[in-house]
Amino acid sequence: MNVVINRHLLSYSSLDGVNRALCRIDNRLSNRLKAKECAISYLPLINEELDYLERGFLYFFPELMQKVKNSSSYSFRHWKI
């Protein structure tokens, strides 16, 4: 629940935040793997498909929140619940 309470997912609300996250992933990869492929290389595709990704998320998120609310005894304070 720390993810919700501390708003960790807000870092993904902008392309800058996604860029930082992909860089953190790349920093954890071995040099051998990074030589083949790195996460940051997907940023242009994410940017190109951003509208599609957002529509999919907005369709999926309310259903996810309802499912979590119905199956948890935790008292959520998220504005979407």
C-alpha atoms as a PDB file:
ATOM      1  CA  MET A   1       0.000   0.000   0.000  1.00  0.00           C
ATOM      2  CA  ASN A   2       3.018   2.306   0.240  1.00  0.00           C
ATOM      3  CA  VAL A   3       2.797   2.759  -3.525  1.00  0.00           C
ATOM      4  CA  VAL A   4      -0.635   4.367  -3.143  1.00  0.00           C
ATOM      5  CA  ILE A   5       0.034   6.213   0.093  1.00  0.00           C
ATOM      6  CA  ASN A   6       3.386   7.641  -1.027  1.00  0.00           C
ATOM      7  CA  ARG A   7       2.182   8.288  -4.590  1.00  0.00           C
ATOM      8  CA  HIS A   8       5.103   6.447  -6.166  1.00  0.00           C
ATOM      9  CA  LEU A   9       3.245   5.988  -9.428  1.00  0.00           C
ATOM     10  CA  LEU A  10       3.076   9.754  -9.992  1.00  0.00           C
ATOM     11  CA  SER A  11       6.612   9.556 -11.343  1.00  0.00           C
ATOM     12  CA  TYR A  12       5.133   7.829 -14.419  1.00  0.00           C
ATOM     13  CA  SER A  13       2.642  10.637 -15.126  1.00  0.00           C
ATOM     14  CA  SER A  14       5.002  12.430 -17.506  1.00  0.00           C
ATOM     15  CA  LEU A  15       7.429  11.354 -20.210  1.00  0.00           C
ATOM     16  CA  ASP A  16      10.225  12.796 -18.075  1.00  0.00           C
ATOM     17  CA  GLY A  17       9.224  10.443 -15.265  1.00  0.00           C
ATOM     18  CA  VAL A  18       9.032   7.472 -17.629  1.00  0.00           C
ATOM     19  CA  ASN A  19      12.445   8.452 -18.999  1.00  0.00           C
ATOM     20  CA  ARG A  20      13.912   8.442 -15.469  1.00  0.00           C
ATOM     21  CA  ALA A  21      12.316   5.068 -14.733  1.00  0.00           C
ATOM     22  CA  LEU A  22      13.689   3.526 -17.925  1.00  0.00           C
ATOM     23  CA  CYS A  23      17.143   4.907 -17.089  1.00  0.00           C
ATOM     24  CA  ARG A  24      16.921   3.301 -13.629  1.00  0.00           C
ATOM     25  CA  ILE A  25      16.055  -0.013 -15.287  1.00  0.00           C
ATOM     26  CA  ASP A  26      18.999   0.339 -17.660  1.00  0.00           C
ATOM     27  CA  ASN A  27      21.317   1.073 -14.725  1.00  0.00           C
ATOM     28  CA  ARG A  28      20.432  -2.331 -13.291  1.00  0.00           C
ATOM     29  CA  LEU A  29      21.093  -4.245 -16.503  1.00  0.00           C
ATOM     30  CA  SER A  30      24.365  -5.982 -17.179  1.00  0.00           C
ATOM     31  CA  ASN A  31      26.631  -4.495 -19.836  1.00  0.00           C
ATOM     32  CA  ARG A  32      26.176  -7.651 -21.901  1.00  0.00           C
ATOM     33  CA  LEU A  33      22.400  -7.220 -21.934  1.00  0.00           C
ATOM     34  CA  LYS A  34      22.567  -3.460 -22.516  1.00  0.00           C
ATOM     35  CA  ALA A  35      24.723  -4.109 -25.569  1.00  0.00           C
ATOM     36  CA  LYS A  36      21.797  -6.021 -27.094  1.00  0.00           C
ATOM     37  CA  GLU A  37      18.914  -3.852 -25.929  1.00  0.00           C
ATOM     38  CA  CYS A  38      18.119  -1.183 -23.374  1.00  0.00           C
ATOM     39  CA  ALA A  39      14.855   0.035 -21.886  1.00  0.00           C
ATOM     40  CA  ILE A  40      15.377   3.691 -22.797  1.00  0.00           C
ATOM     41  CA  SER A  41      15.270   2.757 -26.488  1.00  0.00           C
ATOM     42  CA  TYR A  42      11.505   2.254 -26.079  1.00  0.00           C
ATOM     43  CA  LEU A  43      10.846   5.886 -25.076  1.00  0.00           C
ATOM     44  CA  PRO A  44      10.191   7.082 -28.671  1.00  0.00           C
ATOM     45  CA  LEU A  45       7.632   4.289 -29.145  1.00  0.00           C
ATOM     46  CA  ILE A  46       5.965   5.141 -25.831  1.00  0.00           C
ATOM     47  CA  ASN A  47       5.805   8.776 -26.902  1.00  0.00           C
ATOM     48  CA  GLU A  48       4.364   7.812 -30.303  1.00  0.00           C
ATOM     49  CA  GLU A  49       1.692   5.567 -28.767  1.00  0.00           C
ATOM     50  CA  LEU A  50       0.921   7.731 -25.734  1.00  0.00           C
ATOM     51  CA  ASP A  51      -2.709   8.452 -26.691  1.00  0.00           C
ATOM     52  CA  TYR A  52      -3.399   4.752 -27.221  1.00  0.00           C
ATOM     53  CA  LEU A  53      -1.705   3.833 -23.931  1.00  0.00           C
ATOM     54  CA  GLU A  54      -3.664   6.489 -22.044  1.00  0.00           C
ATOM     55  CA  ARG A  55      -7.009   5.375 -23.487  1.00  0.00           C
ATOM     56  CA  GLY A  56      -6.235   1.790 -22.507  1.00  0.00           C
ATOM     57  CA  PHE A  57      -5.265   2.827 -19.009  1.00  0.00           C
ATOM     58  CA  LEU A  58      -8.381   4.973 -18.522  1.00  0.00           C
ATOM     59  CA  TYR A  59     -10.520   2.018 -19.617  1.00  0.00           C
ATOM     60  CA  PHE A  60      -8.714  -0.423 -17.327  1.00  0.00           C
ATOM     61  CA  PHE A  61      -8.064   1.655 -14.185  1.00  0.00           C
ATOM     62  CA  PRO A  62     -11.648   2.082 -12.851  1.00  0.00           C
ATOM     63  CA  GLU A  63     -12.247  -1.650 -13.188  1.00  0.00           C
ATOM     64  CA  LEU A  64      -8.989  -2.388 -11.359  1.00  0.00           C
ATOM     65  CA  MET A  65      -9.831   0.028  -8.547  1.00  0.00           C
ATOM     66  CA  GLN A  66     -13.283  -1.502  -8.070  1.00  0.00           C
ATOM     67  CA  LYS A  67     -11.786  -4.996  -7.944  1.00  0.00           C
ATOM     68  CA  VAL A  68      -9.191  -3.906  -5.369  1.00  0.00           C
ATOM     69  CA  LYS A  69     -11.803  -2.140  -3.279  1.00  0.00           C
ATOM     70  CA  ASN A  70     -14.093  -5.200  -3.298  1.00  0.00           C
ATOM     71  CA  SER A  71     -11.341  -7.661  -2.399  1.00  0.00           C
ATOM     72  CA  SER A  72      -9.404  -5.735   0.233  1.00  0.00           C
ATOM     73  CA  SER A  73      -9.977  -4.951   3.869  1.00  0.00           C
ATOM     74  CA  TYR A  74      -7.602  -1.984   3.588  1.00  0.00           C
ATOM     75  CA  SER A  75      -9.217   1.442   3.879  1.00  0.00           C
ATOM     76  CA  PHE A  76      -8.185   3.240   0.695  1.00  0.00           C
ATOM     77  CA  ARG A  77      -7.835   6.989   0.475  1.00  0.00           C
ATOM     78  CA  HIS A  78      -7.400   7.195  -3.291  1.00  0.00           C
ATOM     79  CA  TRP A  79      -9.672   9.729  -4.982  1.00  0.00           C
ATOM     80  CA  LYS A  80     -10.707   7.245  -7.665  1.00  0.00           C
ATOM     81  CA  ILE A  81     -12.133   4.739  -5.168  1.00  0.00           C
END
